PDB file of N, CA and C in Angstrom:
ATOM      1  N   MET A   1       7.694 -95.678 126.007  1.00  0.00           N
ATOM      2  CA  MET A   1       6.627 -94.879 126.548  1.00  0.00           C
ATOM      3  C   MET A   1       7.056 -93.435 126.712  1.00  0.00           C
ATOM      4  N   ASN A   2       8.170 -93.152 127.319  1.00  0.00           N
ATOM      5  CA  ASN A   2       8.516 -91.755 127.513  1.00  0.00           C
ATOM      6  C   ASN A   2       9.444 -91.276 126.424  1.00  0.00           C
ATOM      7  N   GLU A   3       9.102 -90.155 125.854  1.00  0.00           N
ATOM      8  CA  GLU A   3       9.829 -89.627 124.721  1.00  0.00           C
ATOM      9  C   GLU A   3      11.197 -89.072 125.095  1.00  0.00           C
ATOM     10  N   PRO A   4      11.297 -88.033 125.940  1.00  0.00           N
ATOM     11  CA  PRO A   4      12.609 -87.468 126.204  1.00  0.00           C
ATOM     12  C   PRO A   4      13.576 -88.444 126.847  1.00  0.00           C
ATOM     13  N   GLY A   5      13.089 -89.296 127.739  1.00  0.00           N
ATOM     14  CA  GLY A   5      13.969 -90.203 128.468  1.00  0.00           C
ATOM     15  C   GLY A   5      14.244 -91.517 127.771  1.00  0.00           C
ATOM     16  N   GLY A   6      13.707 -91.744 126.602  1.00  0.00           N
ATOM     17  CA  GLY A   6      13.877 -93.022 125.924  1.00  0.00           C
ATOM     18  C   GLY A   6      12.906 -94.039 126.471  1.00  0.00           C
ATOM     19  N   ALA A   7      12.114 -94.634 125.634  1.00  0.00           N
ATOM     20  CA  ALA A   7      10.978 -95.432 126.059  1.00  0.00           C
ATOM     21  C   ALA A   7      11.332 -96.872 126.351  1.00  0.00           C
ATOM     22  N   PRO A   8      11.539 -97.212 127.606  1.00  0.00           N
ATOM     23  CA  PRO A   8      11.784 -98.614 127.914  1.00  0.00           C
ATOM     24  C   PRO A   8      10.482 -99.404 127.856  1.00  0.00           C
ATOM     25  N   ASP A   9      10.497-100.533 127.215  1.00  0.00           N
ATOM     26  CA  ASP A   9       9.342-101.412 127.159  1.00  0.00           C
ATOM     27  C   ASP A   9       9.724-102.761 127.760  1.00  0.00           C
ATOM     28  N   GLY A  10       8.742-103.576 127.989  1.00  0.00           N
ATOM     29  CA  GLY A  10       9.008-104.902 128.502  1.00  0.00           C
ATOM     30  C   GLY A  10       9.313-104.888 129.984  1.00  0.00           C
ATOM     31  N   ASP A  11      10.392-105.581 130.371  1.00  0.00           N
ATOM     32  CA  ASP A  11      10.721-105.739 131.779  1.00  0.00           C
ATOM     33  C   ASP A  11      11.472-104.557 132.383  1.00  0.00           C
ATOM     34  N   ALA A  12      11.975-103.660 131.562  1.00  0.00           N
ATOM     35  CA  ALA A  12      12.752-102.521 132.065  1.00  0.00           C
ATOM     36  C   ALA A  12      11.856-101.586 132.872  1.00  0.00           C
ATOM     37  N   ALA A  13      12.419-100.973 133.895  1.00  0.00           N
ATOM     38  CA  ALA A  13      11.672-100.020 134.711  1.00  0.00           C
ATOM     39  C   ALA A  13      11.413 -98.753 133.902  1.00  0.00           C
ATOM     40  N   VAL A  14      10.236 -98.187 134.048  1.00  0.00           N
ATOM     41  CA  VAL A  14       9.890 -96.937 133.375  1.00  0.00           C
ATOM     42  C   VAL A  14      10.432 -95.801 134.222  1.00  0.00           C
ATOM     43  N   VAL A  15      11.195 -94.904 133.590  1.00  0.00           N
ATOM     44  CA  VAL A  15      11.803 -93.792 134.322  1.00  0.00           C
ATOM     45  C   VAL A  15      11.171 -92.473 133.918  1.00  0.00           C
ATOM     46  N   CYS A  16      11.389 -91.479 134.728  1.00  0.00           N
ATOM     47  CA  CYS A  16      10.869 -90.133 134.505  1.00  0.00           C
ATOM     48  C   CYS A  16      11.438 -89.537 133.223  1.00  0.00           C
ATOM     49  N   SER A  17      10.617 -88.782 132.500  1.00  0.00           N
ATOM     50  CA  SER A  17      11.023 -88.138 131.258  1.00  0.00           C
ATOM     51  C   SER A  17      11.759 -86.817 131.459  1.00  0.00           C
ATOM     52  N   ALA A  18      11.789 -86.304 132.680  1.00  0.00           N
ATOM     53  CA  ALA A  18      12.482 -85.038 132.933  1.00  0.00           C
ATOM     54  C   ALA A  18      13.966 -85.206 132.642  1.00  0.00           C
ATOM     55  N   LYS A  19      14.557 -84.176 132.075  1.00  0.00           N
ATOM     56  CA  LYS A  19      15.965 -84.219 131.700  1.00  0.00           C
ATOM     57  C   LYS A  19      16.834 -84.608 132.889  1.00  0.00           C
ATOM     58  N   ALA A  20      17.679 -85.598 132.687  1.00  0.00           N
ATOM     59  CA  ALA A  20      18.658 -86.099 133.659  1.00  0.00           C
ATOM     60  C   ALA A  20      18.040 -86.809 134.862  1.00  0.00           C
ATOM     61  N   CYS A  21      16.738 -86.980 134.892  1.00  0.00           N
ATOM     62  CA  CYS A  21      16.104 -87.698 135.997  1.00  0.00           C
ATOM     63  C   CYS A  21      16.012 -89.177 135.638  1.00  0.00           C
ATOM     64  N   ARG A  22      16.454 -90.034 136.530  1.00  0.00           N
ATOM     65  CA  ARG A  22      16.379 -91.482 136.313  1.00  0.00           C
ATOM     66  C   ARG A  22      15.481 -92.133 137.360  1.00  0.00           C
ATOM     67  N   ALA A  23      14.697 -91.321 138.053  1.00  0.00           N
ATOM     68  CA  ALA A  23      13.799 -91.846 139.088  1.00  0.00           C
ATOM     69  C   ALA A  23      12.681 -92.668 138.450  1.00  0.00           C
ATOM     70  N   PRO A  24      12.174 -93.647 139.174  1.00  0.00           N
ATOM     71  CA  PRO A  24      11.051 -94.429 138.649  1.00  0.00           C
ATOM     72  C   PRO A  24       9.839 -93.536 138.389  1.00  0.00           C
ATOM     73  N   ALA A  25       9.190 -93.766 137.267  1.00  0.00           N
ATOM     74  CA  ALA A  25       7.995 -93.000 136.916  1.00  0.00           C
ATOM     75  C   ALA A  25       6.797 -93.511 137.702  1.00  0.00           C
ATOM     76  N   GLU A  26       5.941 -92.581 138.088  1.00  0.00           N
ATOM     77  CA  GLU A  26       4.694 -92.911 138.773  1.00  0.00           C
ATOM     78  C   GLU A  26       3.482 -92.422 137.994  1.00  0.00           C
ATOM     79  N   TRP A  27       3.703 -91.521 137.030  1.00  0.00           N
ATOM     80  CA  TRP A  27       2.622 -90.866 136.306  1.00  0.00           C
ATOM     81  C   TRP A  27       2.860 -90.902 134.800  1.00  0.00           C
ATOM     82  N   VAL A  28       1.780 -90.912 134.037  1.00  0.00           N
ATOM     83  CA  VAL A  28       1.832 -90.781 132.581  1.00  0.00           C
ATOM     84  C   VAL A  28       1.128 -89.482 132.223  1.00  0.00           C
ATOM     85  N   LEU A  29       1.802 -88.649 131.442  1.00  0.00           N
ATOM     86  CA  LEU A  29       1.232 -87.399 130.948  1.00  0.00           C
ATOM     87  C   LEU A  29       0.924 -87.605 129.473  1.00  0.00           C
ATOM     88  N   ALA A  30      -0.347 -87.702 129.156  1.00  0.00           N
ATOM     89  CA  ALA A  30      -0.774 -87.907 127.767  1.00  0.00           C
ATOM     90  C   ALA A  30      -0.974 -86.535 127.128  1.00  0.00           C
ATOM     91  N   TRP A  31      -0.413 -86.354 125.947  1.00  0.00           N
ATOM     92  CA  TRP A  31      -0.465 -85.040 125.309  1.00  0.00           C
ATOM     93  C   TRP A  31      -0.538 -85.197 123.802  1.00  0.00           C
ATOM     94  N   ASN A  32      -0.838 -84.085 123.153  1.00  0.00           N
ATOM     95  CA  ASN A  32      -0.728 -84.033 121.707  1.00  0.00           C
ATOM     96  C   ASN A  32      -0.551 -82.595 121.271  1.00  0.00           C
ATOM     97  N   ASN A  33       0.172 -82.414 120.199  1.00  0.00           N
ATOM     98  CA  ASN A  33       0.380 -81.100 119.598  1.00  0.00           C
ATOM     99  C   ASN A  33      -0.622 -80.986 118.463  1.00  0.00           C
ATOM    100  N   PRO A  34      -1.655 -80.158 118.593  1.00  0.00           N
ATOM    101  CA  PRO A  34      -2.702 -80.101 117.574  1.00  0.00           C
ATOM    102  C   PRO A  34      -2.207 -79.637 116.204  1.00  0.00           C
ATOM    103  N   LYS A  35      -1.046 -79.008 116.153  1.00  0.00           N
ATOM    104  CA  LYS A  35      -0.484 -78.610 114.854  1.00  0.00           C
ATOM    105  C   LYS A  35       0.163 -79.789 114.130  1.00  0.00           C
ATOM    106  N   LEU A  36       0.485 -80.845 114.865  1.00  0.00           N
ATOM    107  CA  LEU A  36       1.164 -82.000 114.281  1.00  0.00           C
ATOM    108  C   LEU A  36       0.365 -83.289 114.313  1.00  0.00           C
ATOM    109  N   HIS A  37      -0.501 -83.436 115.319  1.00  0.00           N
ATOM    110  CA  HIS A  37      -1.177 -84.711 115.555  1.00  0.00           C
ATOM    111  C   HIS A  37      -2.687 -84.600 115.362  1.00  0.00           C
ATOM    112  N   THR A  38      -3.292 -85.702 114.967  1.00  0.00           N
ATOM    113  CA  THR A  38      -4.750 -85.757 114.897  1.00  0.00           C
ATOM    114  C   THR A  38      -5.294 -85.657 116.325  1.00  0.00           C
ATOM    115  N   PRO A  39      -6.528 -85.190 116.498  1.00  0.00           N
ATOM    116  CA  PRO A  39      -7.067 -84.971 117.855  1.00  0.00           C
ATOM    117  C   PRO A  39      -7.053 -86.203 118.759  1.00  0.00           C
ATOM    118  N   GLU A  40      -7.216 -87.403 118.199  1.00  0.00           N
ATOM    119  CA  GLU A  40      -7.274 -88.599 119.035  1.00  0.00           C
ATOM    120  C   GLU A  40      -5.893 -89.162 119.387  1.00  0.00           C
ATOM    121  N   ARG A  41      -4.851 -88.726 118.727  1.00  0.00           N
ATOM    122  CA  ARG A  41      -3.505 -89.259 118.990  1.00  0.00           C
ATOM    123  C   ARG A  41      -2.992 -88.776 120.339  1.00  0.00           C
ATOM    124  N   ARG A  42      -2.327 -89.663 121.062  1.00  0.00           N
ATOM    125  CA  ARG A  42      -1.735 -89.308 122.344  1.00  0.00           C
ATOM    126  C   ARG A  42      -0.275 -89.733 122.368  1.00  0.00           C
ATOM    127  N   LYS A  43       0.580 -88.769 122.591  1.00  0.00           N
ATOM    128  CA  LYS A  43       1.983 -89.018 122.881  1.00  0.00           C
ATOM    129  C   LYS A  43       2.077 -89.081 124.402  1.00  0.00           C
ATOM    130  N   THR A  44       3.142 -89.662 124.939  1.00  0.00           N
ATOM    131  CA  THR A  44       3.238 -89.761 126.389  1.00  0.00           C
ATOM    132  C   THR A  44       4.627 -89.397 126.891  1.00  0.00           C
ATOM    133  N   TRP A  45       4.635 -88.754 128.029  1.00  0.00           N
ATOM    134  CA  TRP A  45       5.823 -88.584 128.847  1.00  0.00           C
ATOM    135  C   TRP A  45       5.490 -89.245 130.166  1.00  0.00           C
ATOM    136  N   THR A  46       6.506 -89.692 130.859  1.00  0.00           N
ATOM    137  CA  THR A  46       6.293 -90.239 132.197  1.00  0.00           C
ATOM    138  C   THR A  46       6.959 -89.314 133.203  1.00  0.00           C
ATOM    139  N   ALA A  47       6.473 -89.354 134.431  1.00  0.00           N
ATOM    140  CA  ALA A  47       6.993 -88.449 135.454  1.00  0.00           C
ATOM    141  C   ALA A  47       7.076 -89.131 136.806  1.00  0.00           C
ATOM    142  N   CYS A  48       8.124 -88.790 137.532  1.00  0.00           N
ATOM    143  CA  CYS A  48       8.205 -89.169 138.937  1.00  0.00           C
ATOM    144  C   CYS A  48       7.358 -88.146 139.707  1.00  0.00           C
ATOM    145  N   GLU A  49       7.151 -88.398 140.985  1.00  0.00           N
ATOM    146  CA  GLU A  49       6.337 -87.480 141.784  1.00  0.00           C
ATOM    147  C   GLU A  49       6.939 -86.071 141.792  1.00  0.00           C
ATOM    148  N   ASP A  50       8.266 -85.975 141.850  1.00  0.00           N
ATOM    149  CA  ASP A  50       8.929 -84.666 141.912  1.00  0.00           C
ATOM    150  C   ASP A  50       8.773 -83.845 140.632  1.00  0.00           C
ATOM    151  N   HIS A  51       8.637 -84.488 139.488  1.00  0.00           N
ATOM    152  CA  HIS A  51       8.574 -83.757 138.219  1.00  0.00           C
ATOM    153  C   HIS A  51       7.182 -83.716 137.582  1.00  0.00           C
ATOM    154  N   ARG A  52       6.200 -84.343 138.202  1.00  0.00           N
ATOM    155  CA  ARG A  52       4.851 -84.372 137.611  1.00  0.00           C
ATOM    156  C   ARG A  52       4.311 -82.962 137.385  1.00  0.00           C
ATOM    157  N   GLU A  53       4.390 -82.109 138.378  1.00  0.00           N
ATOM    158  CA  GLU A  53       3.853 -80.755 138.241  1.00  0.00           C
ATOM    159  C   GLU A  53       4.619 -79.950 137.196  1.00  0.00           C
ATOM    160  N   TYR A  54       5.946 -80.039 137.215  1.00  0.00           N
ATOM    161  CA  TYR A  54       6.772 -79.300 136.253  1.00  0.00           C
ATOM    162  C   TYR A  54       6.451 -79.704 134.813  1.00  0.00           C
ATOM    163  N   LEU A  55       6.444 -81.016 134.541  1.00  0.00           N
ATOM    164  CA  LEU A  55       6.169 -81.477 133.175  1.00  0.00           C
ATOM    165  C   LEU A  55       4.724 -81.180 132.769  1.00  0.00           C
ATOM    166  N   SER A  56       3.786 -81.305 133.699  1.00  0.00           N
ATOM    167  CA  SER A  56       2.388 -80.971 133.408  1.00  0.00           C
ATOM    168  C   SER A  56       2.250 -79.501 133.048  1.00  0.00           C
ATOM    169  N   HIS A  57       2.934 -78.644 133.787  1.00  0.00           N
ATOM    170  CA  HIS A  57       2.902 -77.208 133.504  1.00  0.00           C
ATOM    171  C   HIS A  57       3.504 -76.918 132.135  1.00  0.00           C
ATOM    172  N   PHE A  58       4.650 -77.525 131.831  1.00  0.00           N
ATOM    173  CA  PHE A  58       5.323 -77.336 130.545  1.00  0.00           C
ATOM    174  C   PHE A  58       4.374 -77.654 129.388  1.00  0.00           C
ATOM    175  N   LEU A  59       3.700 -78.793 129.466  1.00  0.00           N
ATOM    176  CA  LEU A  59       2.765 -79.182 128.405  1.00  0.00           C
ATOM    177  C   LEU A  59       1.485 -78.351 128.456  1.00  0.00           C
ATOM    178  N   GLY A  60       1.025 -78.029 129.660  1.00  0.00           N
ATOM    179  CA  GLY A  60      -0.228 -77.303 129.832  1.00  0.00           C
ATOM    180  C   GLY A  60      -0.197 -75.891 129.270  1.00  0.00           C
ATOM    181  N   VAL A  61       0.885 -75.157 129.495  1.00  0.00           N
ATOM    182  CA  VAL A  61       0.943 -73.773 128.998  1.00  0.00           C
ATOM    183  C   VAL A  61       0.959 -73.729 127.476  1.00  0.00           C
ATOM    184  N   ARG A  62       1.332 -74.817 126.843  1.00  0.00           N
ATOM    185  CA  ARG A  62       1.334 -74.901 125.382  1.00  0.00           C
ATOM    186  C   ARG A  62       0.007 -75.426 124.831  1.00  0.00           C
ATOM    187  N   GLY A  63      -0.873 -75.833 125.742  1.00  0.00           N
ATOM    188  CA  GLY A  63      -2.153 -76.392 125.332  1.00  0.00           C
ATOM    189  C   GLY A  63      -2.049 -77.823 124.843  1.00  0.00           C
ATOM    190  N   PHE A  64      -0.974 -78.525 125.216  1.00  0.00           N
ATOM    191  CA  PHE A  64      -0.750 -79.893 124.741  1.00  0.00           C
ATOM    192  C   PHE A  64      -1.272 -80.965 125.700  1.00  0.00           C
ATOM    193  N   LEU A  65      -1.303 -80.687 126.996  1.00  0.00           N
ATOM    194  CA  LEU A  65      -1.645 -81.702 127.992  1.00  0.00           C
ATOM    195  C   LEU A  65      -3.108 -82.099 127.879  1.00  0.00           C
ATOM    196  N   LYS A  66      -3.348 -83.390 127.780  1.00  0.00           N
ATOM    197  CA  LYS A  66      -4.715 -83.912 127.676  1.00  0.00           C
ATOM    198  C   LYS A  66      -5.147 -84.667 128.921  1.00  0.00           C
ATOM    199  N   GLU A  67      -4.190 -85.346 129.588  1.00  0.00           N
ATOM    200  CA  GLU A  67      -4.570 -86.199 130.711  1.00  0.00           C
ATOM    201  C   GLU A  67      -3.330 -86.565 131.527  1.00  0.00           C
ATOM    202  N   VAL A  68      -3.494 -86.668 132.841  1.00  0.00           N
ATOM    203  CA  VAL A  68      -2.454 -87.176 133.729  1.00  0.00           C
ATOM    204  C   VAL A  68      -3.052 -88.382 134.448  1.00  0.00           C
ATOM    205  N   VAL A  69      -2.376 -89.523 134.326  1.00  0.00           N
ATOM    206  CA  VAL A  69      -2.902 -90.781 134.843  1.00  0.00           C
ATOM    207  C   VAL A  69      -1.795 -91.515 135.597  1.00  0.00           C
ATOM    208  N   ALA A  70      -2.145 -92.192 136.667  1.00  0.00           N
ATOM    209  CA  ALA A  70      -1.178 -93.029 137.378  1.00  0.00           C
ATOM    210  C   ALA A  70      -0.644 -94.094 136.420  1.00  0.00           C
ATOM    211  N   LEU A  71       0.651 -94.372 136.494  1.00  0.00           N
ATOM    212  CA  LEU A  71       1.299 -95.316 135.588  1.00  0.00           C
ATOM    213  C   LEU A  71       0.595 -96.671 135.567  1.00  0.00           C
ATOM    214  N   GLY A  72       0.262 -97.202 136.730  1.00  0.00           N
ATOM    215  CA  GLY A  72      -0.401 -98.507 136.793  1.00  0.00           C
ATOM    216  C   GLY A  72      -1.741 -98.508 136.081  1.00  0.00           C
ATOM    217  N   GLU A  73      -2.500 -97.437 136.238  1.00  0.00           N
ATOM    218  CA  GLU A  73      -3.795 -97.321 135.566  1.00  0.00           C
ATOM    219  C   GLU A  73      -3.600 -97.262 134.046  1.00  0.00           C
ATOM    220  N   TRP A  74      -2.594 -96.512 133.597  1.00  0.00           N
ATOM    221  CA  TRP A  74      -2.321 -96.396 132.160  1.00  0.00           C
ATOM    222  C   TRP A  74      -1.941 -97.746 131.564  1.00  0.00           C
ATOM    223  N   GLU A  75      -1.098 -98.494 132.279  1.00  0.00           N
ATOM    224  CA  GLU A  75      -0.654 -99.796 131.782  1.00  0.00           C
ATOM    225  C   GLU A  75      -1.780-100.818 131.748  1.00  0.00           C
ATOM    226  N   ASP A  76      -2.808-100.625 132.590  1.00  0.00           N
ATOM    227  CA  ASP A  76      -3.941-101.546 132.628  1.00  0.00           C
ATOM    228  C   ASP A  76      -4.956-101.289 131.520  1.00  0.00           C
ATOM    229  N   ARG A  77      -4.854-100.154 130.835  1.00  0.00           N
ATOM    230  CA  ARG A  77      -5.795 -99.828 129.757  1.00  0.00           C
ATOM    231  C   ARG A  77      -5.524-100.696 128.538  1.00  0.00           C
ATOM    232  N   PRO A  78      -6.583-101.015 127.802  1.00  0.00           N
ATOM    233  CA  PRO A  78      -6.369-101.697 126.518  1.00  0.00           C
ATOM    234  C   PRO A  78      -5.549-100.798 125.595  1.00  0.00           C
ATOM    235  N   ALA A  79      -4.758-101.371 124.697  1.00  0.00           N
ATOM    236  CA  ALA A  79      -3.831-100.621 123.852  1.00  0.00           C
ATOM    237  C   ALA A  79      -4.473 -99.468 123.113  1.00  0.00           C
ATOM    238  N   GLY A  80      -5.669 -99.596 122.601  1.00  0.00           N
ATOM    239  CA  GLY A  80      -6.302 -98.521 121.842  1.00  0.00           C
ATOM    240  C   GLY A  80      -7.119 -97.545 122.668  1.00  0.00           C
ATOM    241  N   ALA A  81      -7.253 -97.787 123.970  1.00  0.00           N
ATOM    242  CA  ALA A  81      -8.142 -96.982 124.799  1.00  0.00           C
ATOM    243  C   ALA A  81      -7.674 -95.554 125.017  1.00  0.00           C
ATOM    244  N   ALA A  82      -6.379 -95.332 124.951  1.00  0.00           N
ATOM    245  CA  ALA A  82      -5.859 -93.989 125.224  1.00  0.00           C
ATOM    246  C   ALA A  82      -5.727 -93.143 123.975  1.00  0.00           C
ATOM    247  N   GLY A  83      -6.090 -93.679 122.826  1.00  0.00           N
ATOM    248  CA  GLY A  83      -5.910 -92.942 121.587  1.00  0.00           C
ATOM    249  C   GLY A  83      -4.535 -93.192 121.016  1.00  0.00           C
ATOM    250  N   GLY A  84      -4.393 -93.009 119.746  1.00  0.00           N
ATOM    251  CA  GLY A  84      -3.097 -93.216 119.105  1.00  0.00           C
ATOM    252  C   GLY A  84      -2.760 -94.688 119.013  1.00  0.00           C
ATOM    253  N   SER A  85      -1.532 -94.974 118.681  1.00  0.00           N
ATOM    254  CA  SER A  85      -1.091 -96.338 118.517  1.00  0.00           C
ATOM    255  C   SER A  85      -0.226 -96.759 119.708  1.00  0.00           C
ATOM    256  N   ALA A  86       0.068 -98.030 119.777  1.00  0.00           N
ATOM    257  CA  ALA A  86       0.937 -98.521 120.844  1.00  0.00           C
ATOM    258  C   ALA A  86       2.322 -97.886 120.738  1.00  0.00           C
ATOM    259  N   ALA A  87       2.739 -97.500 119.551  1.00  0.00           N
ATOM    260  CA  ALA A  87       4.049 -96.858 119.367  1.00  0.00           C
ATOM    261  C   ALA A  87       4.105 -95.492 120.036  1.00  0.00           C
ATOM    262  N   ASP A  88       2.952 -94.849 120.244  1.00  0.00           N
ATOM    263  CA  ASP A  88       2.919 -93.552 120.898  1.00  0.00           C
ATOM    264  C   ASP A  88       3.123 -93.667 122.395  1.00  0.00           C
ATOM    265  N   ARG A  89       2.945 -94.834 122.946  1.00  0.00           N
ATOM    266  CA  ARG A  89       3.030 -95.012 124.387  1.00  0.00           C
ATOM    267  C   ARG A  89       4.443 -95.074 124.856  1.00  0.00           C
TER     268      ARG A  89
END
């Protein structure tokens, strides 16, 4: 799920994508780079409470941020509901 931090799937705990942060993630930041991705594709980073604003700002100033969702809500969505493929999550 999280790109910079390495995407743990399955039973592993999801951790924050901020560099060197190993805190449990509470948020999913869905984004896409319009120069590289189709409009419906969503890449994801995860964030702990402490890094949510920082990572959102980083993506937002570039025009990449599309949505910030609580981790539990994101995991409850059907696989295709957020756009992109399951591999993007």
